[in-house]
Amino acid sequence: MDIPIFPGTEAPKPREEVQIEALDIALYRDRMRVLVHIHVTPFMERPNLLIMVRDANDRLVGELNVIETMHNDMEFTLHLRGVTDPTGWYTAEVDLFYETRHPPHDTRVEAFEIPAFAPDEDEL
């Protein structure tokens, strides 16, 4: 008799099958921070992540390194650096890699806009 430890779709995968499954961005009311939610395939070997936020001029305004994460479902808060008025378009890019980032094992990019006013109350 087999007793499954993981649900069928949640069984850890080898590194060749690991990818970024979801990247979601939410704004905080102060407009100077963004919540980044990342979901990756459950894994056998712990991957690294590099999370970057760039403004419309491709200038890096937020960055976070995650070394050998233990979790496949993660949330991080990134502060926008060197920005006086955050209004405008941004991109969040996540690279998933193991030994080296060049080239990354998987990449996901999401564009988002920070409005000129505070978000509605249903935002963070």
PDB file of N, CA and C in Angstrom:
ATOM      1  N   MET A   1       0.843  -1.180   0.000  1.00  0.00           N
ATOM      2  CA  MET A   1       0.000   0.000   0.000  1.00  0.00           C
ATOM      3  C   MET A   1       0.888   1.242   0.000  1.00  0.00           C
ATOM      4  N   ASP A   2       0.622   2.174  -0.914  1.00  0.00           N
ATOM      5  CA  ASP A   2       1.364   3.431  -0.994  1.00  0.00           C
ATOM      6  C   ASP A   2       0.605   4.526  -0.264  1.00  0.00           C
ATOM      7  N   ILE A   3       1.318   5.274   0.527  1.00  0.00           N
ATOM      8  CA  ILE A   3       0.736   6.435   1.194  1.00  0.00           C
ATOM      9  C   ILE A   3       1.421   7.664   0.612  1.00  0.00           C
ATOM     10  N   PRO A   4       0.690   8.447  -0.189  1.00  0.00           N
ATOM     11  CA  PRO A   4       1.328   9.611  -0.821  1.00  0.00           C
ATOM     12  C   PRO A   4       1.657  10.693   0.207  1.00  0.00           C
ATOM     13  N   ILE A   5       2.856  11.215   0.117  1.00  0.00           N
ATOM     14  CA  ILE A   5       3.280  12.304   0.996  1.00  0.00           C
ATOM     15  C   ILE A   5       2.870  13.640   0.404  1.00  0.00           C
ATOM     16  N   PHE A   6       2.932  13.734  -0.918  1.00  0.00           N
ATOM     17  CA  PHE A   6       2.577  14.954  -1.629  1.00  0.00           C
ATOM     18  C   PHE A   6       1.382  14.675  -2.527  1.00  0.00           C
ATOM     19  N   PRO A   7       0.516  15.665  -2.746  1.00  0.00           N
ATOM     20  CA  PRO A   7      -0.520  15.495  -3.770  1.00  0.00           C
ATOM     21  C   PRO A   7       0.158  15.238  -5.118  1.00  0.00           C
ATOM     22  N   GLY A   8      -0.514  14.570  -6.016  1.00  0.00           N
ATOM     23  CA  GLY A   8       0.071  14.190  -7.302  1.00  0.00           C
ATOM     24  C   GLY A   8       0.724  15.325  -8.064  1.00  0.00           C
ATOM     25  N   THR A   9       0.124  16.498  -8.051  1.00  0.00           N
ATOM     26  CA  THR A   9       0.690  17.633  -8.788  1.00  0.00           C
ATOM     27  C   THR A   9       1.745  18.381  -7.985  1.00  0.00           C
ATOM     28  N   GLU A  10       1.886  18.070  -6.708  1.00  0.00           N
ATOM     29  CA  GLU A  10       2.827  18.785  -5.848  1.00  0.00           C
ATOM     30  C   GLU A  10       4.088  17.988  -5.542  1.00  0.00           C
ATOM     31  N   ALA A  11       4.267  16.836  -6.169  1.00  0.00           N
ATOM     32  CA  ALA A  11       5.472  16.042  -5.925  1.00  0.00           C
ATOM     33  C   ALA A  11       6.690  16.817  -6.423  1.00  0.00           C
ATOM     34  N   PRO A  12       7.769  16.854  -5.660  1.00  0.00           N
ATOM     35  CA  PRO A  12       8.967  17.590  -6.081  1.00  0.00           C
ATOM     36  C   PRO A  12       9.515  17.062  -7.405  1.00  0.00           C
ATOM     37  N   LYS A  13       9.967  17.994  -8.232  1.00  0.00           N
ATOM     38  CA  LYS A  13      10.468  17.678  -9.570  1.00  0.00           C
ATOM     39  C   LYS A  13      11.977  17.882  -9.627  1.00  0.00           C
ATOM     40  N   PRO A  14      12.639  17.195 -10.571  1.00  0.00           N
ATOM     41  CA  PRO A  14      14.065  17.451 -10.780  1.00  0.00           C
ATOM     42  C   PRO A  14      14.255  18.834 -11.394  1.00  0.00           C
ATOM     43  N   ARG A  15      15.454  19.369 -11.302  1.00  0.00           N
ATOM     44  CA  ARG A  15      15.709  20.743 -11.749  1.00  0.00           C
ATOM     45  C   ARG A  15      15.314  20.999 -13.200  1.00  0.00           C
ATOM     46  N   GLU A  16      15.386  19.982 -14.057  1.00  0.00           N
ATOM     47  CA  GLU A  16      15.024  20.169 -15.466  1.00  0.00           C
ATOM     48  C   GLU A  16      13.551  20.523 -15.645  1.00  0.00           C
ATOM     49  N   GLU A  17      12.723  20.177 -14.677  1.00  0.00           N
ATOM     50  CA  GLU A  17      11.281  20.418 -14.772  1.00  0.00           C
ATOM     51  C   GLU A  17      10.812  21.593 -13.920  1.00  0.00           C
ATOM     52  N   VAL A  18      11.724  22.251 -13.239  1.00  0.00           N
ATOM     53  CA  VAL A  18      11.353  23.367 -12.362  1.00  0.00           C
ATOM     54  C   VAL A  18      11.264  24.646 -13.181  1.00  0.00           C
ATOM     55  N   GLN A  19      10.179  25.380 -12.975  1.00  0.00           N
ATOM     56  CA  GLN A  19      10.007  26.663 -13.651  1.00  0.00           C
ATOM     57  C   GLN A  19       9.187  27.606 -12.781  1.00  0.00           C
ATOM     58  N   ILE A  20       9.194  28.868 -13.154  1.00  0.00           N
ATOM     59  CA  ILE A  20       8.372  29.867 -12.471  1.00  0.00           C
ATOM     60  C   ILE A  20       6.957  29.695 -13.002  1.00  0.00           C
ATOM     61  N   GLU A  21       6.037  29.332 -12.141  1.00  0.00           N
ATOM     62  CA  GLU A  21       4.666  29.083 -12.571  1.00  0.00           C
ATOM     63  C   GLU A  21       3.798  30.329 -12.490  1.00  0.00           C
ATOM     64  N   ALA A  22       4.109  31.234 -11.563  1.00  0.00           N
ATOM     65  CA  ALA A  22       3.310  32.457 -11.424  1.00  0.00           C
ATOM     66  C   ALA A  22       4.169  33.576 -10.859  1.00  0.00           C
ATOM     67  N   LEU A  23       3.908  34.776 -11.355  1.00  0.00           N
ATOM     68  CA  LEU A  23       4.515  36.001 -10.831  1.00  0.00           C
ATOM     69  C   LEU A  23       3.401  37.030 -10.749  1.00  0.00           C
ATOM     70  N   ASP A  24       3.073  37.450  -9.537  1.00  0.00           N
ATOM     71  CA  ASP A  24       2.003  38.424  -9.318  1.00  0.00           C
ATOM     72  C   ASP A  24       2.559  39.618  -8.558  1.00  0.00           C
ATOM     73  N   ILE A  25       2.089  40.798  -8.927  1.00  0.00           N
ATOM     74  CA  ILE A  25       2.543  42.047  -8.320  1.00  0.00           C
ATOM     75  C   ILE A  25       1.337  42.759  -7.712  1.00  0.00           C
ATOM     76  N   ALA A  26       1.499  43.270  -6.493  1.00  0.00           N
ATOM     77  CA  ALA A  26       0.474  44.091  -5.840  1.00  0.00           C
ATOM     78  C   ALA A  26       1.162  45.324  -5.267  1.00  0.00           C
ATOM     79  N   LEU A  27       0.428  46.423  -5.235  1.00  0.00           N
ATOM     80  CA  LEU A  27       0.977  47.687  -4.735  1.00  0.00           C
ATOM     81  C   LEU A  27       0.584  47.905  -3.284  1.00  0.00           C
ATOM     82  N   TYR A  28       1.481  48.479  -2.537  1.00  0.00           N
ATOM     83  CA  TYR A  28       1.151  48.966  -1.203  1.00  0.00           C
ATOM     84  C   TYR A  28       0.580  50.377  -1.340  1.00  0.00           C
ATOM     85  N   ARG A  29      -0.212  50.803  -0.370  1.00  0.00           N
ATOM     86  CA  ARG A  29      -0.870  52.114  -0.439  1.00  0.00           C
ATOM     87  C   ARG A  29       0.110  53.274  -0.516  1.00  0.00           C
ATOM     88  N   ASP A  30       1.314  53.104   0.035  1.00  0.00           N
ATOM     89  CA  ASP A  30       2.287  54.207  -0.007  1.00  0.00           C
ATOM     90  C   ASP A  30       2.926  54.374  -1.386  1.00  0.00           C
ATOM     91  N   ARG A  31       2.682  53.436  -2.310  1.00  0.00           N
ATOM     92  CA  ARG A  31       3.181  53.456  -3.694  1.00  0.00           C
ATOM     93  C   ARG A  31       4.702  53.373  -3.782  1.00  0.00           C
ATOM     94  N   MET A  32       5.395  53.202  -2.674  1.00  0.00           N
ATOM     95  CA  MET A  32       6.859  53.104  -2.681  1.00  0.00           C
ATOM     96  C   MET A  32       7.335  51.671  -2.443  1.00  0.00           C
ATOM     97  N   ARG A  33       6.377  50.756  -2.289  1.00  0.00           N
ATOM     98  CA  ARG A  33       6.707  49.346  -2.085  1.00  0.00           C
ATOM     99  C   ARG A  33       5.791  48.495  -2.958  1.00  0.00           C
ATOM    100  N   VAL A  34       6.320  47.367  -3.405  1.00  0.00           N
ATOM    101  CA  VAL A  34       5.512  46.419  -4.165  1.00  0.00           C
ATOM    102  C   VAL A  34       5.637  45.037  -3.527  1.00  0.00           C
ATOM    103  N   LEU A  35       4.544  44.312  -3.531  1.00  0.00           N
ATOM    104  CA  LEU A  35       4.518  42.939  -3.046  1.00  0.00           C
ATOM    105  C   LEU A  35       4.694  42.029  -4.255  1.00  0.00           C
ATOM    106  N   VAL A  36       5.693  41.175  -4.202  1.00  0.00           N
ATOM    107  CA  VAL A  36       5.981  40.247  -5.294  1.00  0.00           C
ATOM    108  C   VAL A  36       5.661  38.837  -4.805  1.00  0.00           C
ATOM    109  N   HIS A  37       4.725  38.185  -5.479  1.00  0.00           N
ATOM    110  CA  HIS A  37       4.353  36.808  -5.151  1.00  0.00           C
ATOM    111  C   HIS A  37       4.875  35.911  -6.270  1.00  0.00           C
ATOM    112  N   ILE A  38       5.656  34.886  -5.898  1.00  0.00           N
ATOM    113  CA  ILE A  38       6.261  33.974  -6.865  1.00  0.00           C
ATOM    114  C   ILE A  38       5.892  32.548  -6.481  1.00  0.00           C
ATOM    115  N   HIS A  39       5.449  31.797  -7.472  1.00  0.00           N
ATOM    116  CA  HIS A  39       5.176  30.372  -7.260  1.00  0.00           C
ATOM    117  C   HIS A  39       6.000  29.595  -8.278  1.00  0.00           C
ATOM    118  N   VAL A  40       6.824  28.673  -7.791  1.00  0.00           N
ATOM    119  CA  VAL A  40       7.626  27.832  -8.677  1.00  0.00           C
ATOM    120  C   VAL A  40       7.203  26.374  -8.502  1.00  0.00           C
ATOM    121  N   THR A  41       7.548  25.567  -9.486  1.00  0.00           N
ATOM    122  CA  THR A  41       7.285  24.137  -9.418  1.00  0.00           C
ATOM    123  C   THR A  41       7.933  23.562  -8.151  1.00  0.00           C
ATOM    124  N   PRO A  42       7.243  22.694  -7.422  1.00  0.00           N
ATOM    125  CA  PRO A  42       7.899  22.043  -6.278  1.00  0.00           C
ATOM    126  C   PRO A  42       9.185  21.354  -6.748  1.00  0.00           C
ATOM    127  N   PHE A  43      10.242  21.462  -5.967  1.00  0.00           N
ATOM    128  CA  PHE A  43      11.566  21.058  -6.446  1.00  0.00           C
ATOM    129  C   PHE A  43      12.253  20.081  -5.504  1.00  0.00           C
ATOM    130  N   MET A  44      13.188  19.310  -6.092  1.00  0.00           N
ATOM    131  CA  MET A  44      14.062  18.431  -5.313  1.00  0.00           C
ATOM    132  C   MET A  44      15.318  19.177  -4.886  1.00  0.00           C
ATOM    133  N   GLU A  45      15.871  19.981  -5.806  1.00  0.00           N
ATOM    134  CA  GLU A  45      17.068  20.783  -5.529  1.00  0.00           C
ATOM    135  C   GLU A  45      16.645  22.234  -5.368  1.00  0.00           C
ATOM    136  N   ARG A  46      17.132  22.882  -4.341  1.00  0.00           N
ATOM    137  CA  ARG A  46      16.707  24.247  -4.028  1.00  0.00           C
ATOM    138  C   ARG A  46      17.292  25.252  -5.024  1.00  0.00           C
ATOM    139  N   PRO A  47      16.429  26.011  -5.702  1.00  0.00           N
ATOM    140  CA  PRO A  47      16.908  26.986  -6.685  1.00  0.00           C
ATOM    141  C   PRO A  47      17.210  28.343  -6.051  1.00  0.00           C
ATOM    142  N   ASN A  48      17.898  29.173  -6.811  1.00  0.00           N
ATOM    143  CA  ASN A  48      18.144  30.571  -6.465  1.00  0.00           C
ATOM    144  C   ASN A  48      17.209  31.434  -7.298  1.00  0.00           C
ATOM    145  N   LEU A  49      16.900  32.619  -6.784  1.00  0.00           N
ATOM    146  CA  LEU A  49      16.077  33.577  -7.522  1.00  0.00           C
ATOM    147  C   LEU A  49      16.742  34.940  -7.474  1.00  0.00           C
ATOM    148  N   LEU A  50      16.617  35.676  -8.564  1.00  0.00           N
ATOM    149  CA  LEU A  50      16.995  37.083  -8.594  1.00  0.00           C
ATOM    150  C   LEU A  50      15.754  37.844  -9.026  1.00  0.00           C
ATOM    151  N   ILE A  51      15.297  38.761  -8.174  1.00  0.00           N
ATOM    152  CA  ILE A  51      14.094  39.548  -8.433  1.00  0.00           C
ATOM    153  C   ILE A  51      14.534  40.984  -8.676  1.00  0.00           C
ATOM    154  N   MET A  52      14.128  41.550  -9.823  1.00  0.00           N
ATOM    155  CA  MET A  52      14.523  42.912 -10.184  1.00  0.00           C
ATOM    156  C   MET A  52      13.291  43.714 -10.586  1.00  0.00           C
ATOM    157  N   VAL A  53      13.238  44.961 -10.141  1.00  0.00           N
ATOM    158  CA  VAL A  53      12.192  45.889 -10.570  1.00  0.00           C
ATOM    159  C   VAL A  53      12.884  47.035 -11.283  1.00  0.00           C
ATOM    160  N   ARG A  54      12.407  47.334 -12.500  1.00  0.00           N
ATOM    161  CA  ARG A  54      12.991  48.415 -13.309  1.00  0.00           C
ATOM    162  C   ARG A  54      11.904  49.410 -13.683  1.00  0.00           C
ATOM    163  N   ASP A  55      12.307  50.682 -13.786  1.00  0.00           N
ATOM    164  CA  ASP A  55      11.353  51.715 -14.188  1.00  0.00           C
ATOM    165  C   ASP A  55      11.238  51.754 -15.711  1.00  0.00           C
ATOM    166  N   ALA A  56      10.455  52.705 -16.229  1.00  0.00           N
ATOM    167  CA  ALA A  56      10.221  52.809 -17.669  1.00  0.00           C
ATOM    168  C   ALA A  56      11.500  53.113 -18.446  1.00  0.00           C
ATOM    169  N   ASN A  57      12.512  53.673 -17.783  1.00  0.00           N
ATOM    170  CA  ASN A  57      13.801  53.960 -18.427  1.00  0.00           C
ATOM    171  C   ASN A  57      14.788  52.808 -18.266  1.00  0.00           C
ATOM    172  N   ASP A  58      14.311  51.653 -17.819  1.00  0.00           N
ATOM    173  CA  ASP A  58      15.118  50.447 -17.609  1.00  0.00           C
ATOM    174  C   ASP A  58      16.141  50.616 -16.489  1.00  0.00           C
ATOM    175  N   ARG A  59      15.880  51.553 -15.582  1.00  0.00           N
ATOM    176  CA  ARG A  59      16.767  51.776 -14.438  1.00  0.00           C
ATOM    177  C   ARG A  59      16.341  50.855 -13.300  1.00  0.00           C
ATOM    178  N   LEU A  60      17.296  50.163 -12.699  1.00  0.00           N
ATOM    179  CA  LEU A  60      17.023  49.251 -11.594  1.00  0.00           C
ATOM    180  C   LEU A  60      16.628  50.054 -10.355  1.00  0.00           C
ATOM    181  N   VAL A  61      15.407  49.814  -9.840  1.00  0.00           N
ATOM    182  CA  VAL A  61      14.923  50.542  -8.665  1.00  0.00           C
ATOM    183  C   VAL A  61      14.636  49.616  -7.482  1.00  0.00           C
ATOM    184  N   GLY A  62      14.766  48.321  -7.680  1.00  0.00           N
ATOM    185  CA  GLY A  62      14.585  47.358  -6.600  1.00  0.00           C
ATOM    186  C   GLY A  62      15.182  46.023  -6.999  1.00  0.00           C
ATOM    187  N   GLU A  63      15.821  45.357  -6.032  1.00  0.00           N
ATOM    188  CA  GLU A  63      16.466  44.080  -6.343  1.00  0.00           C
ATOM    189  C   GLU A  63      16.520  43.225  -5.082  1.00  0.00           C
ATOM    190  N   LEU A  64      16.386  41.920  -5.271  1.00  0.00           N
ATOM    191  CA  LEU A  64      16.428  40.985  -4.155  1.00  0.00           C
ATOM    192  C   LEU A  64      17.002  39.664  -4.642  1.00  0.00           C
ATOM    193  N   ASN A  65      17.961  39.123  -3.897  1.00  0.00           N
ATOM    194  CA  ASN A  65      18.531  37.805  -4.183  1.00  0.00           C
ATOM    195  C   ASN A  65      17.997  36.806  -3.169  1.00  0.00           C
ATOM    196  N   VAL A  66      17.557  35.662  -3.651  1.00  0.00           N
ATOM    197  CA  VAL A  66      17.096  34.576  -2.791  1.00  0.00           C
ATOM    198  C   VAL A  66      18.008  33.388  -3.081  1.00  0.00           C
ATOM    199  N   ILE A  67      18.745  32.952  -2.078  1.00  0.00           N
ATOM    200  CA  ILE A  67      19.716  31.879  -2.252  1.00  0.00           C
ATOM    201  C   ILE A  67      19.138  30.565  -1.725  1.00  0.00           C
ATOM    202  N   GLU A  68      19.043  29.594  -2.603  1.00  0.00           N
ATOM    203  CA  GLU A  68      18.566  28.244  -2.276  1.00  0.00           C
ATOM    204  C   GLU A  68      17.303  28.255  -1.416  1.00  0.00           C
ATOM    205  N   THR A  69      16.246  28.803  -1.976  1.00  0.00           N
ATOM    206  CA  THR A  69      14.979  28.863  -1.251  1.00  0.00           C
ATOM    207  C   THR A  69      14.496  27.469  -0.855  1.00  0.00           C
ATOM    208  N   MET A  70      13.829  27.414   0.273  1.00  0.00           N
ATOM    209  CA  MET A  70      13.267  26.146   0.746  1.00  0.00           C
ATOM    210  C   MET A  70      11.786  26.034   0.384  1.00  0.00           C
ATOM    211  N   HIS A  71      11.203  27.125  -0.129  1.00  0.00           N
ATOM    212  CA  HIS A  71       9.764  27.178  -0.373  1.00  0.00           C
ATOM    213  C   HIS A  71       9.489  27.384  -1.856  1.00  0.00           C
ATOM    214  N   ASN A  72       8.398  26.798  -2.331  1.00  0.00           N
ATOM    215  CA  ASN A  72       8.047  27.013  -3.733  1.00  0.00           C
ATOM    216  C   ASN A  72       6.971  28.086  -3.903  1.00  0.00           C
ATOM    217  N   ASP A  73       6.404  28.576  -2.808  1.00  0.00           N
ATOM    218  CA  ASP A  73       5.414  29.653  -2.859  1.00  0.00           C
ATOM    219  C   ASP A  73       5.908  30.762  -1.932  1.00  0.00           C
ATOM    220  N   MET A  74       6.258  31.913  -2.520  1.00  0.00           N
ATOM    221  CA  MET A  74       6.959  32.953  -1.760  1.00  0.00           C
ATOM    222  C   MET A  74       6.345  34.325  -2.001  1.00  0.00           C
ATOM    223  N   GLU A  75       6.464  35.198  -1.006  1.00  0.00           N
ATOM    224  CA  GLU A  75       6.080  36.604  -1.120  1.00  0.00           C
ATOM    225  C   GLU A  75       7.193  37.462  -0.550  1.00  0.00           C
ATOM    226  N   PHE A  76       7.483  38.556  -1.261  1.00  0.00           N
ATOM    227  CA  PHE A  76       8.526  39.485  -0.841  1.00  0.00           C
ATOM    228  C   PHE A  76       8.030  40.910  -1.029  1.00  0.00           C
ATOM    229  N   THR A  77       8.505  41.813  -0.178  1.00  0.00           N
ATOM    230  CA  THR A  77       8.239  43.235  -0.339  1.00  0.00           C
ATOM    231  C   THR A  77       9.506  43.897  -0.842  1.00  0.00           C
ATOM    232  N   LEU A  78       9.402  44.594  -1.973  1.00  0.00           N
ATOM    233  CA  LEU A  78      10.540  45.334  -2.514  1.00  0.00           C
ATOM    234  C   LEU A  78      10.257  46.820  -2.379  1.00  0.00           C
ATOM    235  N   HIS A  79      11.221  47.547  -1.860  1.00  0.00           N
ATOM    236  CA  HIS A  79      11.140  48.995  -1.741  1.00  0.00           C
ATOM    237  C   HIS A  79      11.735  49.611  -3.001  1.00  0.00           C
ATOM    238  N   LEU A  80      11.062  50.618  -3.549  1.00  0.00           N
ATOM    239  CA  LEU A  80      11.573  51.309  -4.731  1.00  0.00           C
ATOM    240  C   LEU A  80      12.624  52.314  -4.278  1.00  0.00           C
ATOM    241  N   ARG A  81      13.849  52.159  -4.756  1.00  0.00           N
ATOM    242  CA  ARG A  81      14.971  53.005  -4.337  1.00  0.00           C
ATOM    243  C   ARG A  81      15.226  54.109  -5.365  1.00  0.00           C
ATOM    244  N   GLY A  82      15.596  55.274  -4.859  1.00  0.00           N
ATOM    245  CA  GLY A  82      15.975  56.378  -5.737  1.00  0.00           C
ATOM    246  C   GLY A  82      14.825  56.948  -6.544  1.00  0.00           C
ATOM    247  N   VAL A  83      13.606  56.798  -6.042  1.00  0.00           N
ATOM    248  CA  VAL A  83      12.417  57.273  -6.748  1.00  0.00           C
ATOM    249  C   VAL A  83      11.726  58.301  -5.865  1.00  0.00           C
ATOM    250  N   THR A  84      11.530  59.529  -6.383  1.00  0.00           N
ATOM    251  CA  THR A  84      10.806  60.535  -5.604  1.00  0.00           C
ATOM    252  C   THR A  84       9.313  60.480  -5.889  1.00  0.00           C
ATOM    253  N   ASP A  85       8.942  60.320  -7.159  1.00  0.00           N
ATOM    254  CA  ASP A  85       7.536  60.155  -7.539  1.00  0.00           C
ATOM    255  C   ASP A  85       7.423  58.823  -8.276  1.00  0.00           C
ATOM    256  N   PRO A  86       6.799  57.822  -7.676  1.00  0.00           N
ATOM    257  CA  PRO A  86       6.778  56.495  -8.284  1.00  0.00           C
ATOM    258  C   PRO A  86       5.788  56.316  -9.435  1.00  0.00           C
ATOM    259  N   THR A  87       5.018  57.346  -9.775  1.00  0.00           N
ATOM    260  CA  THR A  87       4.020  57.229 -10.831  1.00  0.00           C
ATOM    261  C   THR A  87       4.663  56.746 -12.129  1.00  0.00           C
ATOM    262  N   GLY A  88       4.051  55.747 -12.755  1.00  0.00           N
ATOM    263  CA  GLY A  88       4.535  55.276 -14.052  1.00  0.00           C
ATOM    264  C   GLY A  88       4.543  53.766 -14.174  1.00  0.00           C
ATOM    265  N   TRP A  89       5.124  53.315 -15.278  1.00  0.00           N
ATOM    266  CA  TRP A  89       5.197  51.886 -15.591  1.00  0.00           C
ATOM    267  C   TRP A  89       6.510  51.291 -15.124  1.00  0.00           C
ATOM    268  N   TYR A  90       6.423  50.047 -14.665  1.00  0.00           N
ATOM    269  CA  TYR A  90       7.574  49.298 -14.170  1.00  0.00           C
ATOM    270  C   TYR A  90       7.494  47.869 -14.692  1.00  0.00           C
ATOM    271  N   THR A  91       8.627  47.176 -14.643  1.00  0.00           N
ATOM    272  CA  THR A  91       8.637  45.747 -14.922  1.00  0.00           C
ATOM    273  C   THR A  91       9.290  45.030 -13.746  1.00  0.00           C
ATOM    274  N   ALA A  92       8.722  43.895 -13.408  1.00  0.00           N
ATOM    275  CA  ALA A  92       9.318  43.007 -12.410  1.00  0.00           C
ATOM    276  C   ALA A  92       9.803  41.781 -13.165  1.00  0.00           C
ATOM    277  N   GLU A  93      11.066  41.447 -12.987  1.00  0.00           N
ATOM    278  CA  GLU A  93      11.660  40.288 -13.653  1.00  0.00           C
ATOM    279  C   GLU A  93      12.214  39.348 -12.592  1.00  0.00           C
ATOM    280  N   VAL A  94      11.935  38.069 -12.760  1.00  0.00           N
ATOM    281  CA  VAL A  94      12.453  37.050 -11.848  1.00  0.00           C
ATOM    282  C   VAL A  94      13.239  36.035 -12.668  1.00  0.00           C
ATOM    283  N   ASP A  95      14.484  35.816 -12.273  1.00  0.00           N
ATOM    284  CA  ASP A  95      15.318  34.773 -12.867  1.00  0.00           C
ATOM    285  C   ASP A  95      15.438  33.638 -11.865  1.00  0.00           C
ATOM    286  N   LEU A  96      15.200  32.419 -12.315  1.00  0.00           N
ATOM    287  CA  LEU A  96      15.397  31.225 -11.505  1.00  0.00           C
ATOM    288  C   LEU A  96      16.641  30.537 -12.048  1.00  0.00           C
ATOM    289  N   PHE A  97      17.571  30.197 -11.161  1.00  0.00           N
ATOM    290  CA  PHE A  97      18.813  29.574 -11.623  1.00  0.00           C
ATOM    291  C   PHE A  97      19.384  28.673 -10.538  1.00  0.00           C
ATOM    292  N   TYR A  98      20.369  27.892 -10.928  1.00  0.00           N
ATOM    293  CA  TYR A  98      21.050  27.001  -9.985  1.00  0.00           C
ATOM    294  C   TYR A  98      22.491  27.483  -9.814  1.00  0.00           C
ATOM    295  N   GLU A  99      23.468  26.879 -10.444  1.00  0.00           N
ATOM    296  CA  GLU A  99      24.855  27.289 -10.224  1.00  0.00           C
ATOM    297  C   GLU A  99      25.162  28.676 -10.793  1.00  0.00           C
ATOM    298  N   THR A 100      24.681  28.934 -11.996  1.00  0.00           N
ATOM    299  CA  THR A 100      24.992  30.199 -12.649  1.00  0.00           C
ATOM    300  C   THR A 100      23.727  30.818 -13.219  1.00  0.00           C
ATOM    301  N   ARG A 101      23.703  32.121 -13.292  1.00  0.00           N
ATOM    302  CA  ARG A 101      22.540  32.831 -13.800  1.00  0.00           C
ATOM    303  C   ARG A 101      22.632  33.071 -15.300  1.00  0.00           C
ATOM    304  N   HIS A 102      23.747  32.763 -15.901  1.00  0.00           N
ATOM    305  CA  HIS A 102      23.942  33.053 -17.330  1.00  0.00           C
ATOM    306  C   HIS A 102      24.065  31.775 -18.121  1.00  0.00           C
ATOM    307  N   PRO A 103      23.033  31.290 -18.783  1.00  0.00           N
ATOM    308  CA  PRO A 103      21.680  31.844 -18.805  1.00  0.00           C
ATOM    309  C   PRO A 103      20.865  31.324 -17.612  1.00  0.00           C
ATOM    310  N   PRO A 104      19.786  32.037 -17.269  1.00  0.00           N
ATOM    311  CA  PRO A 104      18.934  31.544 -16.178  1.00  0.00           C
ATOM    312  C   PRO A 104      18.190  30.279 -16.610  1.00  0.00           C
ATOM    313  N   HIS A 105      17.809  29.490 -15.649  1.00  0.00           N
ATOM    314  CA  HIS A 105      17.039  28.268 -15.909  1.00  0.00           C
ATOM    315  C   HIS A 105      15.627  28.630 -16.394  1.00  0.00           C
ATOM    316  N   ASP A 106      15.048  29.699 -15.839  1.00  0.00           N
ATOM    317  CA  ASP A 106      13.733  30.198 -16.254  1.00  0.00           C
ATOM    318  C   ASP A 106      13.643  31.677 -15.896  1.00  0.00           C
ATOM    319  N   THR A 107      12.849  32.414 -16.653  1.00  0.00           N
ATOM    320  CA  THR A 107      12.650  33.850 -16.426  1.00  0.00           C
ATOM    321  C   THR A 107      11.178  34.174 -16.597  1.00  0.00           C
ATOM    322  N   ARG A 108      10.692  35.099 -15.774  1.00  0.00           N
ATOM    323  CA  ARG A 108       9.317  35.588 -15.915  1.00  0.00           C
ATOM    324  C   ARG A 108       9.355  37.097 -15.743  1.00  0.00           C
ATOM    325  N   VAL A 109       8.625  37.829 -16.600  1.00  0.00           N
ATOM    326  CA  VAL A 109       8.571  39.290 -16.547  1.00  0.00           C
ATOM    327  C   VAL A 109       7.110  39.715 -16.517  1.00  0.00           C
ATOM    328  N   GLU A 110       6.794  40.656 -15.624  1.00  0.00           N
ATOM    329  CA  GLU A 110       5.449  41.226 -15.537  1.00  0.00           C
ATOM    330  C   GLU A 110       5.558  42.742 -15.500  1.00  0.00           C
ATOM    331  N   ALA A 111       4.750  43.412 -16.300  1.00  0.00           N
ATOM    332  CA  ALA A 111       4.683  44.873 -16.274  1.00  0.00           C
ATOM    333  C   ALA A 111       3.559  45.291 -15.332  1.00  0.00           C
ATOM    334  N   PHE A 112       3.757  46.424 -14.667  1.00  0.00           N
ATOM    335  CA  PHE A 112       2.713  46.953 -13.795  1.00  0.00           C
ATOM    336  C   PHE A 112       2.832  48.473 -13.755  1.00  0.00           C
ATOM    337  N   GLU A 113       1.719  49.111 -13.411  1.00  0.00           N
ATOM    338  CA  GLU A 113       1.683  50.575 -13.356  1.00  0.00           C
ATOM    339  C   GLU A 113       1.414  51.025 -11.930  1.00  0.00           C
ATOM    340  N   ILE A 114       2.147  52.050 -11.525  1.00  0.00           N
ATOM    341  CA  ILE A 114       1.873  52.701 -10.247  1.00  0.00           C
ATOM    342  C   ILE A 114       1.123  53.984 -10.575  1.00  0.00           C
ATOM    343  N   PRO A 115      -0.119  54.115 -10.111  1.00  0.00           N
ATOM    344  CA  PRO A 115      -0.928  55.288 -10.454  1.00  0.00           C
ATOM    345  C   PRO A 115      -0.457  56.542  -9.720  1.00  0.00           C
ATOM    346  N   ALA A 116      -0.971  57.683 -10.165  1.00  0.00           N
ATOM    347  CA  ALA A 116      -0.594  58.971  -9.580  1.00  0.00           C
ATOM    348  C   ALA A 116      -1.257  59.204  -8.222  1.00  0.00           C
ATOM    349  N   PHE A 117      -2.120  58.308  -7.808  1.00  0.00           N
ATOM    350  CA  PHE A 117      -2.815  58.441  -6.523  1.00  0.00           C
ATOM    351  C   PHE A 117      -2.736  57.107  -5.797  1.00  0.00           C
ATOM    352  N   ALA A 118      -3.047  57.124  -4.507  1.00  0.00           N
ATOM    353  CA  ALA A 118      -3.001  55.894  -3.703  1.00  0.00           C
ATOM    354  C   ALA A 118      -4.044  54.903  -4.205  1.00  0.00           C
ATOM    355  N   PRO A 119      -3.733  53.608  -4.211  1.00  0.00           N
ATOM    356  CA  PRO A 119      -4.698  52.599  -4.650  1.00  0.00           C
ATOM    357  C   PRO A 119      -5.921  52.555  -3.741  1.00  0.00           C
ATOM    358  N   ASP A 120      -6.968  51.902  -4.236  1.00  0.00           N
ATOM    359  CA  ASP A 120      -8.182  51.721  -3.446  1.00  0.00           C
ATOM    360  C   ASP A 120      -7.875  50.929  -2.182  1.00  0.00           C
ATOM    361  N   GLU A 121      -8.822  50.941  -1.268  1.00  0.00           N
ATOM    362  CA  GLU A 121      -8.617  50.282   0.020  1.00  0.00           C
ATOM    363  C   GLU A 121      -8.467  48.776  -0.083  1.00  0.00           C
ATOM    364  N   ASP A 122      -8.905  48.166  -1.202  1.00  0.00           N
ATOM    365  CA  ASP A 122      -8.745  46.718  -1.318  1.00  0.00           C
ATOM    366  C   ASP A 122      -7.316  46.335  -1.689  1.00  0.00           C
ATOM    367  N   GLU A 123      -6.478  47.319  -1.987  1.00  0.00           N
ATOM    368  CA  GLU A 123      -5.055  47.059  -2.212  1.00  0.00           C
ATOM    369  C   GLU A 123      -4.377  46.966  -0.848  1.00  0.00           C
ATOM    370  N   LEU A 124      -3.102  46.625  -0.831  1.00  0.00           N
ATOM    371  CA  LEU A 124      -2.361  46.487   0.432  1.00  0.00           C
ATOM    372  C   LEU A 124      -2.137  47.815   1.109  1.00  0.00           C
TER     373      LEU A 124
END
